[in-house]
PDB file of N, CA and C in Angstrom:
ATOM      1  N   VAL A   1     -36.704  38.998  12.253  1.00  0.00           N
ATOM      2  CA  VAL A   1     -36.086  40.307  12.111  1.00  0.00           C
ATOM      3  C   VAL A   1     -37.168  41.370  12.281  1.00  0.00           C
ATOM      4  N   ASN A   2     -36.842  42.425  12.985  1.00  0.00           N
ATOM      5  CA  ASN A   2     -37.759  43.518  13.256  1.00  0.00           C
ATOM      6  C   ASN A   2     -38.062  44.299  11.969  1.00  0.00           C
ATOM      7  N   ASP A   3     -39.356  44.478  11.660  1.00  0.00           N
ATOM      8  CA  ASP A   3     -39.755  45.168  10.437  1.00  0.00           C
ATOM      9  C   ASP A   3     -39.255  46.606  10.385  1.00  0.00           C
ATOM     10  N   ILE A   4     -39.276  47.301  11.510  1.00  0.00           N
ATOM     11  CA  ILE A   4     -38.813  48.692  11.520  1.00  0.00           C
ATOM     12  C   ILE A   4     -37.318  48.757  11.243  1.00  0.00           C
ATOM     13  N   PHE A   5     -36.576  47.753  11.677  1.00  0.00           N
ATOM     14  CA  PHE A   5     -35.144  47.699  11.380  1.00  0.00           C
ATOM     15  C   PHE A   5     -34.928  47.564   9.879  1.00  0.00           C
ATOM     16  N   ILE A   6     -35.682  46.695   9.239  1.00  0.00           N
ATOM     17  CA  ILE A   6     -35.575  46.507   7.783  1.00  0.00           C
ATOM     18  C   ILE A   6     -35.947  47.794   7.065  1.00  0.00           C
ATOM     19  N   PHE A   7     -37.036  48.425   7.516  1.00  0.00           N
ATOM     20  CA  PHE A   7     -37.468  49.691   6.924  1.00  0.00           C
ATOM     21  C   PHE A   7     -36.358  50.741   7.016  1.00  0.00           C
ATOM     22  N   ASN A   8     -35.771  50.895   8.203  1.00  0.00           N
ATOM     23  CA  ASN A   8     -34.696  51.872   8.394  1.00  0.00           C
ATOM     24  C   ASN A   8     -33.471  51.534   7.547  1.00  0.00           C
ATOM     25  N   GLU A   9     -33.157  50.253   7.395  1.00  0.00           N
ATOM     26  CA  GLU A   9     -32.042  49.841   6.556  1.00  0.00           C
ATOM     27  C   GLU A   9     -32.280  50.233   5.095  1.00  0.00           C
ATOM     28  N   ILE A  10     -33.490  50.050   4.617  1.00  0.00           N
ATOM     29  CA  ILE A  10     -33.828  50.403   3.234  1.00  0.00           C
ATOM     30  C   ILE A  10     -33.739  51.910   3.032  1.00  0.00           C
ATOM     31  N   ILE A  11     -34.275  52.673   3.983  1.00  0.00           N
ATOM     32  CA  ILE A  11     -34.205  54.136   3.898  1.00  0.00           C
ATOM     33  C   ILE A  11     -32.742  54.580   3.820  1.00  0.00           C
ATOM     34  N   GLY A  12     -31.917  54.026   4.673  1.00  0.00           N
ATOM     35  CA  GLY A  12     -30.498  54.373   4.666  1.00  0.00           C
ATOM     36  C   GLY A  12     -29.800  53.945   3.387  1.00  0.00           C
ATOM     37  N   HIS A  13     -30.100  52.737   2.916  1.00  0.00           N
ATOM     38  CA  HIS A  13     -29.480  52.224   1.689  1.00  0.00           C
ATOM     39  C   HIS A  13     -29.829  53.102   0.487  1.00  0.00           C
ATOM     40  N   LEU A  14     -31.057  53.581   0.428  1.00  0.00           N
ATOM     41  CA  LEU A  14     -31.494  54.427  -0.683  1.00  0.00           C
ATOM     42  C   LEU A  14     -31.040  55.880  -0.526  1.00  0.00           C
ATOM     43  N   GLY A  15     -30.512  56.227   0.643  1.00  0.00           N
ATOM     44  CA  GLY A  15     -30.048  57.591   0.875  1.00  0.00           C
ATOM     45  C   GLY A  15     -31.186  58.598   0.990  1.00  0.00           C
ATOM     46  N   LEU A  16     -32.345  58.139   1.451  1.00  0.00           N
ATOM     47  CA  LEU A  16     -33.488  59.035   1.566  1.00  0.00           C
ATOM     48  C   LEU A  16     -33.375  59.897   2.816  1.00  0.00           C
ATOM     49  N   LEU A  17     -33.935  61.083   2.731  1.00  0.00           N
ATOM     50  CA  LEU A  17     -33.934  62.024   3.838  1.00  0.00           C
ATOM     51  C   LEU A  17     -35.371  62.318   4.241  1.00  0.00           C
ATOM     52  N   GLU A  18     -35.605  62.430   5.533  1.00  0.00           N
ATOM     53  CA  GLU A  18     -36.958  62.712   6.014  1.00  0.00           C
ATOM     54  C   GLU A  18     -37.239  64.200   5.932  1.00  0.00           C
ATOM     55  N   LEU A  19     -38.412  64.532   5.406  1.00  0.00           N
ATOM     56  CA  LEU A  19     -38.876  65.911   5.411  1.00  0.00           C
ATOM     57  C   LEU A  19     -39.659  66.130   6.705  1.00  0.00           C
ATOM     58  N   PRO A  20     -39.333  67.176   7.448  1.00  0.00           N
ATOM     59  CA  PRO A  20     -40.044  67.404   8.703  1.00  0.00           C
ATOM     60  C   PRO A  20     -41.459  67.914   8.461  1.00  0.00           C
ATOM     61  N   LEU A  21     -42.342  67.582   9.369  1.00  0.00           N
ATOM     62  CA  LEU A  21     -43.716  68.046   9.337  1.00  0.00           C
ATOM     63  C   LEU A  21     -43.752  69.449   9.931  1.00  0.00           C
ATOM     64  N   LYS A  22     -44.251  70.425   9.189  1.00  0.00           N
ATOM     65  CA  LYS A  22     -44.299  71.814   9.648  1.00  0.00           C
ATOM     66  C   LYS A  22     -45.604  72.084  10.388  1.00  0.00           C
ATOM     67  N   GLY A  23     -45.503  72.749  11.506  1.00  0.00           N
ATOM     68  CA  GLY A  23     -46.688  73.208  12.205  1.00  0.00           C
ATOM     69  C   GLY A  23     -47.226  72.295  13.284  1.00  0.00           C
ATOM     70  N   ARG A  24     -46.816  71.053  13.306  1.00  0.00           N
ATOM     71  CA  ARG A  24     -47.237  70.150  14.381  1.00  0.00           C
ATOM     72  C   ARG A  24     -46.272  68.979  14.477  1.00  0.00           C
ATOM     73  N   ARG A  25     -46.295  68.333  15.628  1.00  0.00           N
ATOM     74  CA  ARG A  25     -45.378  67.216  15.858  1.00  0.00           C
ATOM     75  C   ARG A  25     -46.035  65.867  15.610  1.00  0.00           C
ATOM     76  N   PHE A  26     -47.370  65.822  15.579  1.00  0.00           N
ATOM     77  CA  PHE A  26     -48.084  64.554  15.493  1.00  0.00           C
ATOM     78  C   PHE A  26     -49.035  64.551  14.301  1.00  0.00           C
ATOM     79  N   THR A  27     -49.292  63.386  13.745  1.00  0.00           N
ATOM     80  CA  THR A  27     -50.202  63.261  12.602  1.00  0.00           C
ATOM     81  C   THR A  27     -51.478  62.517  12.956  1.00  0.00           C
ATOM     82  N   TRP A  28     -51.601  62.041  14.202  1.00  0.00           N
ATOM     83  CA  TRP A  28     -52.786  61.278  14.597  1.00  0.00           C
ATOM     84  C   TRP A  28     -53.094  61.532  16.064  1.00  0.00           C
ATOM     85  N   SER A  29     -54.373  61.578  16.386  1.00  0.00           N
ATOM     86  CA  SER A  29     -54.837  61.683  17.763  1.00  0.00           C
ATOM     87  C   SER A  29     -56.064  60.808  17.927  1.00  0.00           C
ATOM     88  N   ASN A  30     -56.228  60.242  19.127  1.00  0.00           N
ATOM     89  CA  ASN A  30     -57.427  59.446  19.389  1.00  0.00           C
ATOM     90  C   ASN A  30     -58.603  60.322  19.830  1.00  0.00           C
ATOM     91  N   MET A  31     -58.394  61.639  19.876  1.00  0.00           N
ATOM     92  CA  MET A  31     -59.434  62.636  20.149  1.00  0.00           C
ATOM     93  C   MET A  31     -60.113  62.447  21.505  1.00  0.00           C
ATOM     94  N   GLN A  32     -59.393  61.957  22.492  1.00  0.00           N
ATOM     95  CA  GLN A  32     -59.923  61.781  23.840  1.00  0.00           C
ATOM     96  C   GLN A  32     -59.605  63.022  24.680  1.00  0.00           C
ATOM     97  N   ASP A  33     -60.200  63.101  25.879  1.00  0.00           N
ATOM     98  CA  ASP A  33     -59.923  64.226  26.775  1.00  0.00           C
ATOM     99  C   ASP A  33     -58.436  64.318  27.096  1.00  0.00           C
ATOM    100  N   VAL A  34     -57.829  63.188  27.332  1.00  0.00           N
ATOM    101  CA  VAL A  34     -56.370  63.101  27.477  1.00  0.00           C
ATOM    102  C   VAL A  34     -55.896  62.349  26.235  1.00  0.00           C
ATOM    103  N   PRO A  35     -55.548  63.094  25.182  1.00  0.00           N
ATOM    104  CA  PRO A  35     -55.323  62.444  23.888  1.00  0.00           C
ATOM    105  C   PRO A  35     -54.024  61.649  23.822  1.00  0.00           C
ATOM    106  N   LEU A  36     -54.091  60.596  23.037  1.00  0.00           N
ATOM    107  CA  LEU A  36     -52.908  59.844  22.649  1.00  0.00           C
ATOM    108  C   LEU A  36     -52.476  60.445  21.314  1.00  0.00           C
ATOM    109  N   LEU A  37     -51.270  60.970  21.246  1.00  0.00           N
ATOM    110  CA  LEU A  37     -50.763  61.624  20.048  1.00  0.00           C
ATOM    111  C   LEU A  37     -49.610  60.807  19.478  1.00  0.00           C
ATOM    112  N   GLU A  38     -49.638  60.575  18.178  1.00  0.00           N
ATOM    113  CA  GLU A  38     -48.603  59.776  17.515  1.00  0.00           C
ATOM    114  C   GLU A  38     -48.240  60.390  16.175  1.00  0.00           C
ATOM    115  N   GLN A  39     -47.030  60.148  15.740  1.00  0.00           N
ATOM    116  CA  GLN A  39     -46.641  60.483  14.369  1.00  0.00           C
ATOM    117  C   GLN A  39     -46.699  59.180  13.573  1.00  0.00           C
ATOM    118  N   LEU A  40     -47.732  59.044  12.767  1.00  0.00           N
ATOM    119  CA  LEU A  40     -47.922  57.824  11.982  1.00  0.00           C
ATOM    120  C   LEU A  40     -47.440  57.976  10.544  1.00  0.00           C
ATOM    121  N   ASP A  41     -47.257  59.199  10.097  1.00  0.00           N
ATOM    122  CA  ASP A  41     -46.868  59.447   8.705  1.00  0.00           C
ATOM    123  C   ASP A  41     -45.481  60.067   8.661  1.00  0.00           C
ATOM    124  N   TRP A  42     -44.672  59.579   7.747  1.00  0.00           N
ATOM    125  CA  TRP A  42     -43.354  60.138   7.503  1.00  0.00           C
ATOM    126  C   TRP A  42     -43.244  60.429   6.017  1.00  0.00           C
ATOM    127  N   PHE A  43     -42.424  61.402   5.680  1.00  0.00           N
ATOM    128  CA  PHE A  43     -42.269  61.825   4.292  1.00  0.00           C
ATOM    129  C   PHE A  43     -40.782  61.849   3.970  1.00  0.00           C
ATOM    130  N   PHE A  44     -40.414  61.140   2.908  1.00  0.00           N
ATOM    131  CA  PHE A  44     -39.008  61.005   2.537  1.00  0.00           C
ATOM    132  C   PHE A  44     -38.784  61.523   1.125  1.00  0.00           C
ATOM    133  N   THR A  45     -37.562  61.978   0.884  1.00  0.00           N
ATOM    134  CA  THR A  45     -37.174  62.430  -0.441  1.00  0.00           C
ATOM    135  C   THR A  45     -35.670  62.206  -0.602  1.00  0.00           C
ATOM    136  N   SER A  46     -35.176  62.544  -1.761  1.00  0.00           N
ATOM    137  CA  SER A  46     -33.747  62.379  -2.038  1.00  0.00           C
ATOM    138  C   SER A  46     -33.010  63.702  -1.856  1.00  0.00           C
ATOM    139  N   ALA A  47     -31.699  63.625  -1.707  1.00  0.00           N
ATOM    140  CA  ALA A  47     -30.873  64.831  -1.601  1.00  0.00           C
ATOM    141  C   ALA A  47     -30.980  65.655  -2.875  1.00  0.00           C
ATOM    142  N   SER A  48     -31.077  64.998  -4.029  1.00  0.00           N
ATOM    143  CA  SER A  48     -31.178  65.751  -5.291  1.00  0.00           C
ATOM    144  C   SER A  48     -32.485  66.538  -5.355  1.00  0.00           C
ATOM    145  N   TRP A  49     -33.578  65.981  -4.809  1.00  0.00           N
ATOM    146  CA  TRP A  49     -34.852  66.710  -4.771  1.00  0.00           C
ATOM    147  C   TRP A  49     -34.711  67.956  -3.889  1.00  0.00           C
ATOM    148  N   ILE A  50     -34.092  67.785  -2.706  1.00  0.00           N
ATOM    149  CA  ILE A  50     -33.909  68.917  -1.796  1.00  0.00           C
ATOM    150  C   ILE A  50     -33.033  69.984  -2.440  1.00  0.00           C
ATOM    151  N   ASN A  51     -32.007  69.565  -3.173  1.00  0.00           N
ATOM    152  CA  ASN A  51     -31.161  70.540  -3.875  1.00  0.00           C
ATOM    153  C   ASN A  51     -31.940  71.276  -4.951  1.00  0.00           C
ATOM    154  N   GLN A  52     -32.813  70.567  -5.662  1.00  0.00           N
ATOM    155  CA  GLN A  52     -33.606  71.172  -6.737  1.00  0.00           C
ATOM    156  C   GLN A  52     -34.744  72.034  -6.183  1.00  0.00           C
ATOM    157  N   TYR A  53     -35.357  71.589  -5.080  1.00  0.00           N
ATOM    158  CA  TYR A  53     -36.514  72.267  -4.487  1.00  0.00           C
ATOM    159  C   TYR A  53     -36.276  72.484  -2.989  1.00  0.00           C
ATOM    160  N   PRO A  54     -35.375  73.403  -2.641  1.00  0.00           N
ATOM    161  CA  PRO A  54     -34.980  73.554  -1.234  1.00  0.00           C
ATOM    162  C   PRO A  54     -36.086  74.054  -0.307  1.00  0.00           C
ATOM    163  N   MET A  55     -37.162  74.589  -0.836  1.00  0.00           N
ATOM    164  CA  MET A  55     -38.249  75.105  -0.003  1.00  0.00           C
ATOM    165  C   MET A  55     -39.355  74.069   0.221  1.00  0.00           C
ATOM    166  N   THR A  56     -39.118  72.815  -0.148  1.00  0.00           N
ATOM    167  CA  THR A  56     -40.115  71.770   0.024  1.00  0.00           C
ATOM    168  C   THR A  56     -40.488  71.633   1.501  1.00  0.00           C
ATOM    169  N   GLN A  57     -41.784  71.621   1.773  1.00  0.00           N
ATOM    170  CA  GLN A  57     -42.281  71.454   3.134  1.00  0.00           C
ATOM    171  C   GLN A  57     -43.430  70.460   3.132  1.00  0.00           C
ATOM    172  N   VAL A  58     -43.650  69.840   4.271  1.00  0.00           N
ATOM    173  CA  VAL A  58     -44.793  68.957   4.474  1.00  0.00           C
ATOM    174  C   VAL A  58     -45.728  69.671   5.438  1.00  0.00           C
ATOM    175  N   ALA A  59     -46.957  69.890   4.992  1.00  0.00           N
ATOM    176  CA  ALA A  59     -47.950  70.546   5.830  1.00  0.00           C
ATOM    177  C   ALA A  59     -49.026  69.541   6.219  1.00  0.00           C
ATOM    178  N   PRO A  60     -49.484  69.597   7.470  1.00  0.00           N
ATOM    179  CA  PRO A  60     -50.530  68.679   7.913  1.00  0.00           C
ATOM    180  C   PRO A  60     -51.874  68.982   7.239  1.00  0.00           C
TER     181      PRO A  60
END
């Protein structure tokens, strides 16, 4: 079974929501002249947290 599939199933089962990264689309670069850019970090929270703290943001 694919690990990412299991991960996504758990996220869905728990009802977690992803917080978007503000200010950039990627969290990692290989720092080359032609860089490889990836999002390696994700941030999740619950709907109740978002309701309690609607201004929550993730900053790089």
